[in-house]
Amino acid sequence: MSRIDLIKQFVIDEFLPDVSADELAADYDLLTGGVMDSLGLLKLIAWIEDRIGAPVSDTDLDPDNFRTVAAIDAFMEAASGQRVAKG
């Protein structure tokens, strides 16, 4: 399963139980669309930290990093790369 698929599955399981993965576009704005609020973002960030095995820093808390499935994927890719570079 790709990371995009994993992210979609998380979003669907937590916030959109009546939507299929095929219906959730990778570029759909989860914040403007009302899928996630501030508490939802905290839940997403905790999930990301668990998946990448590292904390999300305060400087990464830009809402644009978490606005879409594609943005979350790009953020996780970058964060994983930073972790490898530091490790």
C-alpha atoms as a PDB file:
ATOM      1  CA  MET A   1       0.000   0.000   0.000  1.00  0.00           C
ATOM      2  CA  SER A   2       1.421   3.393  -0.980  1.00  0.00           C
ATOM      3  CA  ARG A   3       1.811   6.210   1.530  1.00  0.00           C
ATOM      4  CA  ILE A   4      -0.954   8.143  -0.300  1.00  0.00           C
ATOM      5  CA  ASP A   5      -3.246   5.153   0.234  1.00  0.00           C
ATOM      6  CA  LEU A   6      -2.278   4.961   3.917  1.00  0.00           C
ATOM      7  CA  ILE A   7      -2.985   8.662   4.405  1.00  0.00           C
ATOM      8  CA  LYS A   8      -6.327   8.381   2.631  1.00  0.00           C
ATOM      9  CA  GLN A   9      -7.240   5.379   4.768  1.00  0.00           C
ATOM     10  CA  PHE A  10      -6.395   7.259   7.958  1.00  0.00           C
ATOM     11  CA  VAL A  11      -8.439  10.310   6.914  1.00  0.00           C
ATOM     12  CA  ILE A  12     -11.381   8.127   5.924  1.00  0.00           C
ATOM     13  CA  ASP A  13     -11.240   5.998   9.079  1.00  0.00           C
ATOM     14  CA  GLU A  14     -11.028   9.026  11.365  1.00  0.00           C
ATOM     15  CA  PHE A  15     -13.062  11.714   9.608  1.00  0.00           C
ATOM     16  CA  LEU A  16     -15.007  10.407   6.583  1.00  0.00           C
ATOM     17  CA  PRO A  17     -16.415   6.951   7.370  1.00  0.00           C
ATOM     18  CA  ASP A  18     -18.997   7.150   4.560  1.00  0.00           C
ATOM     19  CA  VAL A  19     -16.453   7.940   1.818  1.00  0.00           C
ATOM     20  CA  SER A  20     -14.365   5.463  -0.163  1.00  0.00           C
ATOM     21  CA  ALA A  21     -10.686   5.974  -0.938  1.00  0.00           C
ATOM     22  CA  ASP A  22     -11.569   6.430  -4.616  1.00  0.00           C
ATOM     23  CA  GLU A  23     -13.849   9.329  -3.720  1.00  0.00           C
ATOM     24  CA  LEU A  24     -11.200  11.233  -1.757  1.00  0.00           C
ATOM     25  CA  ALA A  25      -9.033  13.164  -4.214  1.00  0.00           C
ATOM     26  CA  ALA A  26      -5.411  13.671  -3.192  1.00  0.00           C
ATOM     27  CA  ASP A  27      -5.803  17.397  -3.813  1.00  0.00           C
ATOM     28  CA  TYR A  28      -9.069  17.880  -1.891  1.00  0.00           C
ATOM     29  CA  ASP A  29      -8.668  20.640   0.722  1.00  0.00           C
ATOM     30  CA  LEU A  30      -9.368  18.861   4.011  1.00  0.00           C
ATOM     31  CA  LEU A  31      -9.321  22.073   6.048  1.00  0.00           C
ATOM     32  CA  THR A  32     -11.463  24.337   3.880  1.00  0.00           C
ATOM     33  CA  GLY A  33     -13.772  21.404   3.151  1.00  0.00           C
ATOM     34  CA  GLY A  34     -14.437  20.985   6.881  1.00  0.00           C
ATOM     35  CA  VAL A  35     -13.086  17.442   7.043  1.00  0.00           C
ATOM     36  CA  MET A  36     -10.598  18.324   9.784  1.00  0.00           C
ATOM     37  CA  ASP A  37     -10.626  20.986  12.473  1.00  0.00           C
ATOM     38  CA  SER A  38      -7.855  21.896  14.914  1.00  0.00           C
ATOM     39  CA  LEU A  39      -8.422  18.766  17.018  1.00  0.00           C
ATOM     40  CA  GLY A  40      -8.398  16.680  13.863  1.00  0.00           C
ATOM     41  CA  LEU A  41      -5.075  18.228  12.920  1.00  0.00           C
ATOM     42  CA  LEU A  42      -3.654  17.217  16.297  1.00  0.00           C
ATOM     43  CA  LYS A  43      -4.832  13.666  15.729  1.00  0.00           C
ATOM     44  CA  LEU A  44      -3.289  13.680  12.245  1.00  0.00           C
ATOM     45  CA  ILE A  45       0.012  15.031  13.552  1.00  0.00           C
ATOM     46  CA  ALA A  46       0.152  12.331  16.243  1.00  0.00           C
ATOM     47  CA  TRP A  47      -0.462   9.703  13.542  1.00  0.00           C
ATOM     48  CA  ILE A  48       2.271  11.199  11.340  1.00  0.00           C
ATOM     49  CA  GLU A  49       4.728  11.192  14.253  1.00  0.00           C
ATOM     50  CA  ASP A  50       3.953   7.542  14.850  1.00  0.00           C
ATOM     51  CA  ARG A  51       4.380   6.659  11.164  1.00  0.00           C
ATOM     52  CA  ILE A  52       7.672   8.510  10.614  1.00  0.00           C
ATOM     53  CA  GLY A  53       9.035   7.719  14.064  1.00  0.00           C
ATOM     54  CA  ALA A  54       9.913  11.306  14.885  1.00  0.00           C
ATOM     55  CA  PRO A  55       8.153  14.331  16.373  1.00  0.00           C
ATOM     56  CA  VAL A  56       6.749  17.051  14.149  1.00  0.00           C
ATOM     57  CA  SER A  57       8.516  20.267  15.092  1.00  0.00           C
ATOM     58  CA  ASP A  58       6.781  23.551  15.826  1.00  0.00           C
ATOM     59  CA  THR A  59       8.230  25.032  12.634  1.00  0.00           C
ATOM     60  CA  ASP A  60       6.420  22.325  10.619  1.00  0.00           C
ATOM     61  CA  LEU A  61       2.989  23.258  11.956  1.00  0.00           C
ATOM     62  CA  ASP A  62       2.038  25.256   8.874  1.00  0.00           C
ATOM     63  CA  PRO A  63      -1.549  24.290   7.932  1.00  0.00           C
ATOM     64  CA  ASP A  64      -0.471  24.045   4.295  1.00  0.00           C
ATOM     65  CA  ASN A  65       1.580  20.960   5.233  1.00  0.00           C
ATOM     66  CA  PHE A  66      -1.658  19.187   6.177  1.00  0.00           C
ATOM     67  CA  ARG A  67      -4.232  20.740   3.834  1.00  0.00           C
ATOM     68  CA  THR A  68      -4.477  17.856   1.332  1.00  0.00           C
ATOM     69  CA  VAL A  69      -3.542  14.195   1.165  1.00  0.00           C
ATOM     70  CA  ALA A  70      -0.857  15.142  -1.376  1.00  0.00           C
ATOM     71  CA  ALA A  71       0.537  17.847   0.956  1.00  0.00           C
ATOM     72  CA  ILE A  72       0.602  15.381   3.872  1.00  0.00           C
ATOM     73  CA  ASP A  73       2.437  12.883   1.676  1.00  0.00           C
ATOM     74  CA  ALA A  74       5.012  15.510   0.631  1.00  0.00           C
ATOM     75  CA  PHE A  75       5.476  16.568   4.251  1.00  0.00           C
ATOM     76  CA  MET A  76       5.984  12.968   5.380  1.00  0.00           C
ATOM     77  CA  GLU A  77       8.477  12.387   2.562  1.00  0.00           C
ATOM     78  CA  ALA A  78      10.474  15.458   3.566  1.00  0.00           C
ATOM     79  CA  ALA A  79      10.275  14.649   7.283  1.00  0.00           C
ATOM     80  CA  SER A  80      11.408  11.070   6.675  1.00  0.00           C
ATOM     81  CA  GLY A  81      14.354  12.355   4.633  1.00  0.00           C
ATOM     82  CA  GLN A  82      15.351  14.786   7.370  1.00  0.00           C
ATOM     83  CA  ARG A  83      15.228  12.018   9.934  1.00  0.00           C
ATOM     84  CA  VAL A  84      17.504   9.800   7.806  1.00  0.00           C
ATOM     85  CA  ALA A  85      19.923  12.695   7.224  1.00  0.00           C
ATOM     86  CA  LYS A  86      20.131  13.432  10.965  1.00  0.00           C
ATOM     87  CA  GLY A  87      20.273   9.766  11.994  1.00  0.00           C
END
